[in-house]
Amino acid sequence: MPQLWAGMDAGKAEHHCVVLGADGTRELSQRVVNDENALLKLISDVLELSGGEPVT
């Protein structure tokens, strides 16, 4: 099970998410517009990285 940490900078028009692996490597860095479908896609991308396991 991969250990991942996710952080998000939430803004009014867009957001930026970074996911780091246990060794500090950047696994994902993605900017998305403030839109439900875009945010659901981002969540799906993060869950795919984690193999469906919870992310801290």
N, C-alpha and C. Protein backbone atom coordinates (compact mmCIF):
# COMPACT_ATOMS: atom_id res chain seq x y z
N MET A 1 0.85 -1.17 0.00
CA MET A 1 0.00 0.00 0.00
C MET A 1 0.90 1.24 0.00
N PRO A 2 0.78 2.09 -1.00
CA PRO A 2 1.61 3.30 -1.03
C PRO A 2 1.16 4.30 0.05
N GLN A 3 2.15 4.97 0.64
CA GLN A 3 1.84 6.04 1.58
C GLN A 3 1.93 7.35 0.82
N LEU A 4 0.84 8.08 0.81
CA LEU A 4 0.78 9.34 0.09
C LEU A 4 0.25 10.43 1.00
N TRP A 5 0.73 11.64 0.77
CA TRP A 5 0.23 12.81 1.46
C TRP A 5 -0.22 13.81 0.41
N ALA A 6 -1.41 14.33 0.59
CA ALA A 6 -1.98 15.28 -0.38
C ALA A 6 -2.23 16.61 0.30
N GLY A 7 -1.93 17.67 -0.41
CA GLY A 7 -2.22 19.02 0.07
C GLY A 7 -2.91 19.79 -1.03
N MET A 8 -3.77 20.70 -0.63
CA MET A 8 -4.53 21.45 -1.61
C MET A 8 -4.55 22.92 -1.25
N ASP A 9 -4.28 23.75 -2.24
CA ASP A 9 -4.40 25.19 -2.11
C ASP A 9 -5.72 25.56 -2.78
N ALA A 10 -6.71 25.89 -1.98
CA ALA A 10 -8.04 26.19 -2.51
C ALA A 10 -8.16 27.68 -2.81
N GLY A 11 -8.62 27.98 -4.00
CA GLY A 11 -8.81 29.36 -4.40
C GLY A 11 -10.24 29.58 -4.87
N LYS A 12 -10.52 30.82 -5.21
CA LYS A 12 -11.88 31.17 -5.64
C LYS A 12 -12.19 30.60 -7.03
N ALA A 13 -11.26 30.75 -7.96
CA ALA A 13 -11.50 30.32 -9.34
C ALA A 13 -10.86 28.98 -9.67
N GLU A 14 -9.76 28.64 -8.99
CA GLU A 14 -9.07 27.38 -9.25
C GLU A 14 -8.35 26.90 -8.01
N HIS A 15 -7.97 25.62 -8.03
CA HIS A 15 -7.31 24.99 -6.90
C HIS A 15 -6.06 24.29 -7.42
N HIS A 16 -5.11 24.04 -6.50
CA HIS A 16 -3.90 23.32 -6.87
C HIS A 16 -3.66 22.23 -5.85
N CYS A 17 -3.47 21.01 -6.32
CA CYS A 17 -3.26 19.85 -5.45
C CYS A 17 -1.88 19.27 -5.73
N VAL A 18 -1.16 18.93 -4.66
CA VAL A 18 0.12 18.24 -4.77
C VAL A 18 0.04 16.99 -3.91
N VAL A 19 0.49 15.87 -4.47
CA VAL A 19 0.54 14.60 -3.75
C VAL A 19 2.00 14.16 -3.69
N LEU A 20 2.47 13.86 -2.47
CA LEU A 20 3.84 13.42 -2.26
C LEU A 20 3.86 11.97 -1.81
N GLY A 21 4.85 11.24 -2.27
CA GLY A 21 5.06 9.87 -1.83
C GLY A 21 5.81 9.85 -0.51
N ALA A 22 5.97 8.67 0.07
CA ALA A 22 6.63 8.51 1.37
C ALA A 22 8.07 9.01 1.34
N ASP A 23 8.73 8.93 0.19
CA ASP A 23 10.12 9.38 0.08
C ASP A 23 10.22 10.86 -0.33
N GLY A 24 9.09 11.55 -0.42
CA GLY A 24 9.08 12.97 -0.75
C GLY A 24 9.00 13.28 -2.23
N THR A 25 8.89 12.25 -3.07
CA THR A 25 8.77 12.52 -4.51
C THR A 25 7.37 13.03 -4.83
N ARG A 26 7.32 13.94 -5.76
CA ARG A 26 6.03 14.49 -6.18
C ARG A 26 5.36 13.51 -7.13
N GLU A 27 4.26 12.96 -6.68
CA GLU A 27 3.52 11.98 -7.46
C GLU A 27 2.49 12.64 -8.37
N LEU A 28 2.01 13.82 -7.96
CA LEU A 28 0.99 14.52 -8.74
C LEU A 28 1.06 16.00 -8.37
N SER A 29 0.96 16.83 -9.34
CA SER A 29 0.83 18.27 -9.14
C SER A 29 -0.15 18.73 -10.19
N GLN A 30 -1.33 19.12 -9.74
CA GLN A 30 -2.40 19.40 -10.71
C GLN A 30 -3.20 20.61 -10.27
N ARG A 31 -3.45 21.49 -11.23
CA ARG A 31 -4.31 22.65 -11.02
C ARG A 31 -5.64 22.37 -11.68
N VAL A 32 -6.72 22.65 -10.96
CA VAL A 32 -8.06 22.43 -11.53
C VAL A 32 -8.93 23.66 -11.30
N VAL A 33 -9.86 23.86 -12.19
CA VAL A 33 -10.80 24.97 -12.04
C VAL A 33 -11.80 24.62 -10.94
N ASN A 34 -12.45 25.62 -10.39
CA ASN A 34 -13.44 25.41 -9.34
C ASN A 34 -14.74 24.94 -9.98
N ASP A 35 -14.77 23.64 -10.26
CA ASP A 35 -15.89 23.01 -10.94
C ASP A 35 -16.04 21.60 -10.38
N GLU A 36 -17.27 21.20 -10.09
CA GLU A 36 -17.50 19.90 -9.46
C GLU A 36 -16.91 18.74 -10.26
N ASN A 37 -17.10 18.72 -11.57
CA ASN A 37 -16.59 17.63 -12.39
C ASN A 37 -15.06 17.59 -12.38
N ALA A 38 -14.42 18.76 -12.44
CA ALA A 38 -12.96 18.82 -12.40
C ALA A 38 -12.44 18.32 -11.05
N LEU A 39 -13.12 18.69 -9.96
CA LEU A 39 -12.71 18.25 -8.63
C LEU A 39 -12.92 16.75 -8.45
N LEU A 40 -14.02 16.21 -8.97
CA LEU A 40 -14.25 14.78 -8.90
C LEU A 40 -13.19 14.01 -9.68
N LYS A 41 -12.77 14.55 -10.82
CA LYS A 41 -11.70 13.93 -11.62
C LYS A 41 -10.39 13.95 -10.83
N LEU A 42 -10.09 15.04 -10.16
CA LEU A 42 -8.88 15.14 -9.34
C LEU A 42 -8.91 14.10 -8.23
N ILE A 43 -10.03 13.96 -7.54
CA ILE A 43 -10.16 12.96 -6.48
C ILE A 43 -9.94 11.57 -7.06
N SER A 44 -10.49 11.31 -8.22
CA SER A 44 -10.31 10.02 -8.89
C SER A 44 -8.83 9.77 -9.21
N ASP A 45 -8.14 10.79 -9.69
CA ASP A 45 -6.71 10.67 -10.01
C ASP A 45 -5.89 10.34 -8.76
N VAL A 46 -6.21 11.00 -7.65
CA VAL A 46 -5.48 10.76 -6.39
C VAL A 46 -5.77 9.34 -5.90
N LEU A 47 -7.02 8.92 -5.95
CA LEU A 47 -7.36 7.57 -5.51
C LEU A 47 -6.69 6.52 -6.39
N GLU A 48 -6.55 6.80 -7.67
CA GLU A 48 -5.86 5.87 -8.58
C GLU A 48 -4.41 5.71 -8.16
N LEU A 49 -3.77 6.81 -7.79
CA LEU A 49 -2.37 6.75 -7.34
C LEU A 49 -2.24 5.89 -6.08
N SER A 50 -3.24 5.98 -5.22
CA SER A 50 -3.17 5.29 -3.93
C SER A 50 -3.70 3.87 -3.99
N GLY A 51 -4.16 3.45 -5.15
CA GLY A 51 -4.73 2.12 -5.26
C GLY A 51 -6.07 2.00 -4.53
N GLY A 52 -6.74 3.13 -4.36
CA GLY A 52 -8.03 3.14 -3.69
C GLY A 52 -7.95 3.22 -2.18
N GLU A 53 -6.71 3.27 -1.65
CA GLU A 53 -6.52 3.37 -0.20
C GLU A 53 -6.63 4.83 0.23
N PRO A 54 -6.95 5.06 1.51
CA PRO A 54 -7.05 6.43 2.01
C PRO A 54 -5.72 7.18 1.87
N VAL A 55 -5.82 8.46 1.65
CA VAL A 55 -4.66 9.34 1.52
C VAL A 55 -4.68 10.31 2.69
N THR A 56 -3.52 10.51 3.30
CA THR A 56 -3.43 11.44 4.43
C THR A 56 -3.39 12.85 3.93
